[in-house]
Protein backbone atom coordinates (compact mmCIF):
# COMPACT_ATOMS: atom_id res chain seq x y z
CA MET A 1 141.67 111.41 19.94
CA GLU A 2 140.13 108.07 20.53
CA ARG A 3 143.46 106.33 19.99
CA ARG A 4 145.11 108.69 22.42
CA ASN A 5 142.53 107.85 25.07
CA VAL A 6 143.05 104.15 24.50
CA ALA A 7 146.82 104.58 24.82
CA LEU A 8 146.35 106.55 28.02
CA MET A 9 144.09 103.84 29.41
CA VAL A 10 146.70 101.21 28.59
CA VAL A 11 149.40 103.24 30.34
CA LEU A 12 147.16 103.67 33.37
CA ILE A 13 146.40 99.96 33.46
CA ILE A 14 150.13 99.16 33.22
CA LEU A 15 150.90 101.61 36.01
CA CYS A 16 148.18 100.09 38.20
CA LEU A 17 149.45 96.60 37.52
CA SER A 18 153.00 97.70 38.23
CA MET A 19 151.97 99.26 41.51
CA SER A 20 150.00 96.18 42.44
CA LEU A 21 152.95 93.97 41.61
CA ASN A 22 155.22 96.21 43.68
CA VAL A 23 152.84 95.97 46.61
CA LEU A 24 152.62 92.20 46.24
CA PHE A 25 156.38 91.94 45.91
CA TYR A 26 156.90 94.11 49.00
CA TRP A 27 154.42 91.97 50.95
CA TRP A 28 156.20 88.83 49.78
CA LEU A 29 159.56 90.25 50.83
CA GLN A 30 158.18 91.16 54.26
CA SER A 31 156.69 87.69 54.63
CA LEU A 32 159.98 86.12 53.56
CA GLN A 33 161.92 88.27 56.03
CA SER A 34 159.57 87.28 58.83
CA ARG A 35 160.06 83.63 57.94
CA ILE A 36 163.83 84.06 57.85
CA ASN A 37 163.73 85.72 61.28
CA ALA A 38 161.60 82.90 62.66
CA LEU A 39 163.98 80.30 61.21
CA SER A 40 166.95 82.15 62.75
CA VAL A 41 165.31 82.07 66.18
CA GLU A 42 164.47 78.39 65.75
CA ASN A 43 168.04 77.71 64.66
CA LEU A 44 169.39 79.39 67.80
CA ARG A 45 167.06 77.33 69.97
CA LEU A 46 168.13 74.13 68.25
CA LYS A 47 171.78 75.12 68.72
CA GLU A 48 171.22 75.73 72.43
CA THR A 49 169.40 72.41 72.74
CA LEU A 50 172.26 70.59 71.02
CA GLU A 51 174.76 72.28 73.34
CA ILE A 52 172.74 71.20 76.37
CA LEU A 53 172.51 67.64 75.06
CA GLN A 54 176.24 67.65 74.38
CA ARG A 55 176.95 68.83 77.91
CA ASN A 56 174.68 66.14 79.30
CA LEU A 57 176.49 63.51 77.28
CA GLU A 58 179.80 64.81 78.59
CA TYR A 59 178.41 64.98 82.13
CA HIS A 60 177.58 61.29 81.91
CA HIS A 61 181.03 60.41 80.63
CA PRO A 62 181.73 56.67 81.08
CA VAL A 63 184.44 57.28 83.72
CA ASN A 64 181.89 58.98 86.00
CA ALA A 65 180.28 56.58 88.42
CA SER A 66 177.21 58.78 88.81
CA PRO A 67 175.90 62.12 87.51
CA ALA A 68 177.00 63.86 90.72
CA GLY A 69 180.48 62.37 90.46
CA THR A 70 182.37 60.18 92.90
CA TRP A 71 183.73 61.45 96.21
CA ILE A 72 186.13 60.87 99.06
CA HIS A 73 186.66 62.40 102.48
CA ILE A 74 189.46 64.88 102.97
CA VAL A 75 190.77 65.89 106.38
CA GLY A 76 191.84 69.46 107.03
CA VAL A 77 192.85 71.75 109.86
CA VAL A 78 190.81 74.89 110.52
CA ARG A 79 192.15 77.87 112.43
CA LEU A 80 189.78 79.88 114.60
CA GLU A 81 190.00 83.63 115.21
CA ASN A 82 191.60 83.04 118.62
CA GLY A 83 194.43 81.11 117.00
CA SER A 84 193.35 77.64 118.09
CA THR A 85 192.98 74.85 115.54
CA TYR A 86 190.84 71.76 115.09
CA GLY A 87 190.38 69.01 112.52
CA GLU A 88 187.51 69.07 110.04
CA ILE A 89 186.15 66.47 107.61
CA LEU A 90 185.06 67.62 104.15
CA LYS A 91 183.99 65.84 100.99
CA ILE A 92 185.55 66.32 97.58
CA TYR A 93 183.65 65.26 94.45
CA VAL A 94 185.09 64.63 91.01
CA ARG A 95 183.58 64.19 87.59
CA PHE A 96 185.13 64.26 84.14
CA ILE A 97 183.76 65.92 81.02
CA GLY A 98 185.08 66.16 77.49
CA GLY A 99 187.78 68.82 77.29
CA SER A 100 191.49 69.40 76.98
CA GLY A 101 193.02 68.13 80.22
CA SER A 102 192.17 71.18 82.34
CA MET A 103 191.52 71.16 86.09
CA PHE A 104 188.65 73.15 87.62
CA ILE A 105 188.08 73.47 91.38
CA ALA A 106 185.01 74.87 93.14
CA THR A 107 183.86 74.96 96.75
CA SER A 108 180.40 74.83 98.31
CA PRO A 109 179.92 76.94 100.34
CA LYS A 110 182.89 79.31 100.18
CA ILE A 111 185.87 77.49 101.68
CA GLY A 112 189.34 78.93 102.05
CA ILE A 113 191.46 76.05 100.75
CA GLU A 114 194.28 75.93 98.22
CA LEU A 115 194.19 72.76 96.12
CA GLN A 116 195.18 73.70 92.58
CA ALA A 117 198.84 72.63 92.60
CA SER A 118 198.29 69.41 94.55
CA ALA A 119 195.21 68.53 92.44
CA GLU A 120 197.17 68.92 89.21
CA THR A 121 199.92 66.67 90.58
CA ALA A 122 197.28 64.18 91.74
CA LEU A 123 195.77 64.04 88.24
CA MET A 124 199.17 63.36 86.69
CA VAL A 125 199.82 60.54 89.17
CA ALA A 126 196.30 59.13 88.67
CA GLN A 127 196.84 58.87 84.92
CA GLN A 128 200.14 57.08 85.43
CA ILE A 129 198.65 54.54 87.83
CA SER A 130 195.33 53.97 86.05
CA GLY A 131 196.81 53.91 82.57
CA VAL A 132 194.04 56.25 81.40
CA ASP A 133 194.96 59.25 79.22
CA ALA A 134 192.85 62.15 80.48
CA SER A 135 194.22 64.70 78.00
CA THR A 136 190.83 64.82 76.25
CA LEU A 137 188.95 65.26 79.53
CA ASP A 138 188.48 68.15 81.93
CA CYS A 139 188.55 67.31 85.64
CA MET A 140 185.90 69.04 87.76
CA LEU A 141 186.56 69.01 91.53
CA THR A 142 184.10 70.34 94.11
CA VAL A 143 184.93 70.61 97.81
CA VAL A 144 181.80 70.41 99.97
CA ALA A 145 181.32 71.40 103.61
CA ASP A 146 178.26 72.14 105.73
CA ARG A 147 179.43 75.70 106.49
CA GLN A 148 182.04 78.28 105.55
CA LEU A 149 185.54 77.32 106.66
CA ASP A 150 189.13 78.48 106.34
CA VAL A 151 191.23 75.34 105.89
CA ILE A 152 194.90 76.15 106.40
CA ASP A 153 196.58 73.09 104.87
CA GLY A 154 195.06 72.34 101.48
CA PRO A 155 198.10 70.46 100.08
CA SER A 156 197.61 67.72 102.69
CA ALA A 157 194.53 66.63 100.68
CA GLY A 158 196.76 65.70 97.72
CA ALA A 159 196.96 61.99 98.55
CA ALA A 160 193.18 61.71 98.97
CA ILE A 161 192.59 63.48 95.65
CA ALA A 162 195.06 61.18 93.88
CA ILE A 163 193.22 58.14 95.22
CA LEU A 164 189.85 59.57 94.18
CA LEU A 165 191.03 60.39 90.64
CA THR A 166 192.81 57.06 90.16
CA LEU A 167 189.85 54.93 91.22
CA THR A 168 187.43 57.09 89.22
CA LEU A 169 189.49 56.76 86.05
CA GLN A 170 189.63 53.01 86.66
CA GLY A 171 185.84 52.89 86.94
CA GLU A 172 185.95 51.98 90.63
CA GLY A 173 184.88 55.32 92.08
CA GLU A 174 181.64 54.02 93.57
CA ASN A 175 183.54 51.38 95.54
CA ILE A 176 185.69 53.79 97.57
CA ARG A 177 185.50 52.94 101.27
CA ARG A 178 184.00 55.80 103.24
CA ASP A 179 185.30 54.56 106.59
CA VAL A 180 188.93 55.07 105.53
CA MET A 181 190.52 58.52 105.57
CA ILE A 182 193.98 59.79 104.71
CA THR A 183 196.15 62.85 105.12
CA GLY A 184 199.32 63.49 103.14
CA THR A 185 200.67 65.49 100.24
CA ILE A 186 201.17 63.89 96.82
CA GLU A 187 204.44 64.05 94.93
CA SER A 188 204.92 63.55 91.20
CA ASP A 189 206.45 60.09 91.71
CA GLY A 190 203.47 58.92 93.77
CA LYS A 191 205.11 59.28 97.17
CA ILE A 192 203.02 60.57 100.04
CA GLY A 193 204.62 63.52 101.81
CA LYS A 194 204.49 64.57 105.45
CA VAL A 195 201.95 67.07 106.76
CA GLY A 196 201.15 68.99 109.92
CA GLY A 197 198.20 68.88 112.28
CA ILE A 198 198.20 65.08 112.49
CA LEU A 199 196.56 64.90 115.92
CA GLU A 200 193.75 67.29 114.99
CA LYS A 201 193.09 65.36 111.80
CA ALA A 202 193.17 61.99 113.57
CA MET A 203 190.63 63.22 116.09
CA ALA A 204 188.37 64.50 113.33
CA ALA A 205 188.56 61.17 111.51
CA ALA A 206 187.77 59.26 114.70
CA ARG A 207 184.84 61.54 115.57
CA ASN A 208 183.39 61.00 112.08
CA GLY A 209 183.40 57.21 112.21
CA ALA A 210 186.64 56.29 110.43
CA THR A 211 187.87 52.78 111.16
CA LYS A 212 191.25 53.43 109.53
CA PHE A 213 193.31 56.61 109.33
CA LEU A 214 196.27 56.63 106.93
CA VAL A 215 199.24 58.90 107.63
CA PRO A 216 202.55 59.47 105.83
CA LYS A 217 205.42 57.13 106.63
CA GLY A 218 207.06 58.13 109.90
CA GLN A 219 204.14 60.16 111.24
CA ALA A 220 202.26 57.58 113.30
CA ILE A 221 204.30 59.10 116.10
CA THR A 222 204.20 62.86 115.89
CA THR A 223 205.72 65.80 117.71
CA VAL A 224 203.50 68.24 119.56
CA TYR A 225 204.33 71.28 121.61
CA ARG A 226 202.98 71.24 125.15
CA GLU A 227 202.57 74.52 126.98
CA GLU A 228 204.33 74.80 130.34
CA VAL A 229 203.60 77.77 132.57
CA THR A 230 206.00 78.83 135.34
CA ARG A 231 205.04 81.55 137.80
CA ILE A 232 207.64 83.66 139.56
CA GLY A 233 205.81 86.09 141.77
CA PRO A 234 203.55 88.18 139.55
CA LEU A 235 205.35 87.02 136.41
CA LYS A 236 204.08 84.19 134.22
CA ILE A 237 206.64 82.48 132.00
CA ILE A 238 205.25 80.32 129.18
CA GLN A 239 207.40 77.72 127.47
CA TYR A 240 206.54 75.21 124.76
CA VAL A 241 208.12 71.81 125.26
CA GLN A 242 208.41 69.21 122.51
CA GLU A 243 206.64 65.95 123.20
CA LYS A 244 206.38 62.74 121.16
CA VAL A 245 202.85 61.37 120.85
CA ASP A 246 201.81 57.98 119.50
CA ILE A 247 198.63 58.76 117.57
CA GLN A 248 197.12 55.31 118.07
CA GLU A 249 197.62 55.48 121.84
CA TYR A 250 196.37 59.06 121.94
CA LEU A 251 193.11 58.14 120.18
CA GLU A 252 192.56 55.21 122.52
CA GLU A 253 193.10 57.50 125.51
CA GLN A 254 190.42 59.79 124.06
CA GLY A 255 187.99 56.87 123.90
CA TYR A 256 188.41 55.94 120.22
CA ALA A 257 189.49 52.30 120.26
CA ASN A 258 187.89 51.29 116.95
CA ILE A 259 190.17 53.22 114.63
CA GLU A 260 193.50 51.96 113.30
CA VAL A 261 196.35 54.32 112.40
CA VAL A 262 198.36 53.06 109.42
CA GLU A 263 201.48 54.52 107.85
CA VAL A 264 201.74 54.52 104.04
CA SER A 265 204.66 55.66 101.90
CA ASN A 266 203.10 55.88 98.44
CA ILE A 267 199.78 56.09 96.66
CA LEU A 268 199.76 52.44 95.55
CA GLU A 269 199.90 51.31 99.18
CA ALA A 270 197.17 53.76 100.15
CA ILE A 271 194.79 52.75 97.35
CA GLN A 272 194.63 49.18 98.62
CA HIS A 273 193.10 50.39 101.87
CA PHE A 274 190.36 52.28 100.02
CA LYS A 275 189.15 49.44 97.83
CA ALA A 276 185.93 47.91 99.12
């Protein structure tokens, strides 16, 4: 009987120890799980921090002149609701980050302007001229205006974008002259193509302090359509007559004598005018 009691006591002690060990083991597992969860959260935070640091390093890529990027003026034509048009000066910024040769375009504020095709051509030309391979970089373009606009001739900014990208890739982005403006499309061989709205753009450049306005070859003298109204009794007949206008003379007649209109045929010629 006594031995049986002793055996029972031993079994009870073993069961108590087993239960205690189970409790301790469960507590240890819970503690370990909590630690693992904490380490997972810390790991995610470290990963996010590393990604931010990586982006900052890319943001300050050596080709960028400044964290905000380098910029140049672009000249566009805006159409109003009544159908009339006028010239408008905008800024376009560029910066490069590590990537795969992609082109990204944003506007601030919302601006109706189509630049994608001409910007991609401009980047190709800029690489050819600068000798810099941008296939491991992404190009970030931002068009900036002081209000919402609807620019109707985005491709005419191609030449300006090509100049901006070329000088930025060459490390000369901060030296771009701000008193020189250009209008013209950009072709894959570097030629500057003809555009419309030359008079409106020239006036906008003059109003905004440009001392030199570059236009495509053959467009220093442009064709405009002057409205002629003939009245026959109660009838009013409107005709539009072609008229040749010398842009330089036109600007001087409008009181802008300190701006020079210069024709350029390719991007290499144009770049020389933008170097400080």
